């Protein structure tokens, strides 16, 4: 049986996205790395690619952020209903406190209010710096 290793997101600005996922989502960041090789070009079918990246962890989940310095493409339409559009969801112990924190910051795009999505779940959506939908979710007793 296969086991998930990581999910990767291509970002416009590595430092900006790293700051969001570390400081807003609370992930733990590894070291920033640079990548350029014939093997990577072959693997991704993207000759001449040059990139920077970082791995972040939240529990057992690992997120890989990649910024292409050469060989990158354009922006995707990341609206929630678009096929292939990702969203990430993070458990938080107090969704109301997280909502208030992000609202007070003023630099985070909050795209919904607090919503009861099930009898024991409440959440809200934000966007990362590139417009990827990010959900913060609390499971209540």
Protein backbone atom coordinates (compact mmCIF):
# COMPACT_ATOMS: atom_id res chain seq x y z
CA UNK A 1 0.00 0.00 0.00
CA UNK A 2 1.29 3.46 -0.88
CA UNK A 3 1.68 6.07 1.85
CA UNK A 4 1.45 9.80 1.26
CA UNK A 5 4.89 11.45 1.53
CA UNK A 6 4.11 15.11 0.85
CA UNK A 7 1.90 17.53 -1.04
CA UNK A 8 3.67 20.14 -3.14
CA UNK A 9 2.57 23.65 -4.04
CA UNK A 10 4.31 25.86 -6.57
CA UNK A 11 4.42 29.41 -5.22
CA UNK A 12 5.28 32.82 -6.64
CA UNK A 13 7.42 34.00 -3.70
CA UNK A 14 8.93 31.35 -1.41
CA UNK A 15 9.61 33.64 1.56
CA UNK A 16 6.09 35.10 1.48
CA UNK A 17 4.46 31.67 1.35
CA UNK A 18 6.83 30.26 3.97
CA UNK A 19 5.86 33.10 6.32
CA UNK A 20 2.15 32.32 5.81
CA UNK A 21 2.39 28.57 6.41
CA UNK A 22 4.81 28.96 9.32
CA UNK A 23 3.38 32.02 11.08
CA UNK A 24 -0.33 31.78 10.21
CA UNK A 25 -0.92 28.03 9.86
CA UNK A 26 1.63 27.12 12.55
CA UNK A 27 3.70 24.67 10.50
CA UNK A 28 7.33 23.89 11.33
CA UNK A 29 9.76 24.73 8.53
CA UNK A 30 12.86 22.88 7.45
CA UNK A 31 15.82 24.42 5.65
CA UNK A 32 15.38 26.23 2.34
CA UNK A 33 17.01 24.31 -0.50
CA UNK A 34 18.02 25.13 -4.07
CA UNK A 35 17.48 22.69 -6.91
CA UNK A 36 18.71 22.37 -10.46
CA UNK A 37 19.69 19.10 -12.11
CA UNK A 38 19.28 17.02 -15.23
CA UNK A 39 17.47 14.41 -13.14
CA UNK A 40 14.91 16.96 -11.93
CA UNK A 41 14.47 18.25 -15.49
CA UNK A 42 13.75 14.68 -16.63
CA UNK A 43 11.47 13.89 -13.68
CA UNK A 44 9.32 17.00 -14.20
CA UNK A 45 9.69 17.19 -17.99
CA UNK A 46 10.79 20.81 -17.52
CA UNK A 47 14.27 21.34 -19.02
CA UNK A 48 16.31 24.16 -17.50
CA UNK A 49 14.23 24.47 -14.34
CA UNK A 50 15.89 26.17 -11.39
CA UNK A 51 14.04 26.34 -8.09
CA UNK A 52 14.10 27.03 -4.37
CA UNK A 53 12.01 25.09 -1.93
CA UNK A 54 11.23 24.22 1.66
CA UNK A 55 9.41 21.42 3.47
CA UNK A 56 7.02 22.27 6.30
CA UNK A 57 5.39 19.90 8.78
CA UNK A 58 2.16 19.89 10.74
CA UNK A 59 1.88 16.64 12.66
CA UNK A 60 2.63 13.85 10.18
CA UNK A 61 1.66 16.01 7.18
CA UNK A 62 4.42 17.51 5.03
CA UNK A 63 3.94 20.39 2.62
CA UNK A 64 6.58 21.19 0.00
CA UNK A 65 6.69 24.76 -1.32
CA UNK A 66 8.57 25.32 -4.59
CA UNK A 67 9.41 28.63 -6.25
CA UNK A 68 10.68 28.35 -9.81
CA UNK A 69 13.49 30.84 -10.43
CA UNK A 70 13.69 29.62 -14.06
CA UNK A 71 11.31 27.44 -16.04
CA UNK A 72 8.20 28.37 -14.08
CA UNK A 73 4.70 28.71 -15.49
CA UNK A 74 1.73 31.02 -15.02
CA UNK A 75 -0.93 31.28 -12.34
CA UNK A 76 -3.82 28.81 -12.12
CA UNK A 77 -7.44 29.70 -11.41
CA UNK A 78 -7.61 28.44 -7.83
CA UNK A 79 -11.29 28.97 -7.13
CA UNK A 80 -12.61 26.19 -4.91
CA UNK A 81 -14.87 24.67 -7.60
CA UNK A 82 -12.17 24.40 -10.31
CA UNK A 83 -11.00 20.89 -11.18
CA UNK A 84 -7.51 20.28 -9.81
CA UNK A 85 -7.64 23.26 -7.48
CA UNK A 86 -6.23 22.32 -4.06
CA UNK A 87 -7.26 23.46 -0.64
CA UNK A 88 -5.56 22.76 2.66
CA UNK A 89 -7.33 22.30 5.99
CA UNK A 90 -5.74 22.73 9.43
CA UNK A 91 -7.20 21.61 12.75
CA UNK A 92 -7.10 24.32 15.41
CA UNK A 93 -8.14 23.97 19.08
CA UNK A 94 -10.19 27.21 19.04
CA UNK A 95 -11.51 28.29 15.64
CA UNK A 96 -13.09 31.48 17.04
CA UNK A 97 -9.74 32.59 18.47
CA UNK A 98 -7.99 31.81 15.16
CA UNK A 99 -10.63 33.76 13.24
CA UNK A 100 -10.25 36.77 15.57
CA UNK A 101 -6.43 36.58 15.35
CA UNK A 102 -6.41 36.62 11.55
CA UNK A 103 -9.08 39.31 11.34
CA UNK A 104 -7.06 41.53 13.69
CA UNK A 105 -3.86 41.02 11.68
CA UNK A 106 -5.49 42.63 8.68
CA UNK A 107 -2.99 41.16 6.19
CA UNK A 108 -4.76 37.84 5.63
CA UNK A 109 -7.60 37.42 3.12
CA UNK A 110 -10.52 35.80 4.97
CA UNK A 111 -13.03 34.50 2.43
CA UNK A 112 -15.81 33.24 4.71
CA UNK A 113 -17.23 33.75 8.15
CA UNK A 114 -17.31 31.03 10.80
CA UNK A 115 -19.54 28.26 9.48
CA UNK A 116 -20.94 25.18 11.27
CA UNK A 117 -20.21 22.54 8.61
CA UNK A 118 -21.39 19.57 10.69
CA UNK A 119 -22.93 19.02 14.10
CA UNK A 120 -19.51 19.02 15.74
CA UNK A 121 -17.38 20.99 13.25
CA UNK A 122 -16.89 24.71 12.59
CA UNK A 123 -14.54 26.28 10.11
CA UNK A 124 -13.65 29.29 8.00
CA UNK A 125 -11.62 29.86 4.86
CA UNK A 126 -8.71 32.13 4.09
CA UNK A 127 -6.32 32.30 1.15
CA UNK A 128 -2.58 31.86 1.15
CA UNK A 129 -0.51 34.57 -0.61
CA UNK A 130 -1.08 32.93 -4.02
CA UNK A 131 -4.83 32.47 -3.56
CA UNK A 132 -4.84 28.80 -2.49
CA UNK A 133 -7.89 28.22 -0.25
CA UNK A 134 -6.85 27.41 3.33
CA UNK A 135 -9.39 26.23 5.89
CA UNK A 136 -9.09 26.39 9.67
CA UNK A 137 -11.31 23.81 11.36
CA UNK A 138 -12.31 22.92 14.91
CA UNK A 139 -13.98 19.70 15.96
CA UNK A 140 -16.10 20.22 19.06
CA UNK A 141 -17.42 17.64 21.48
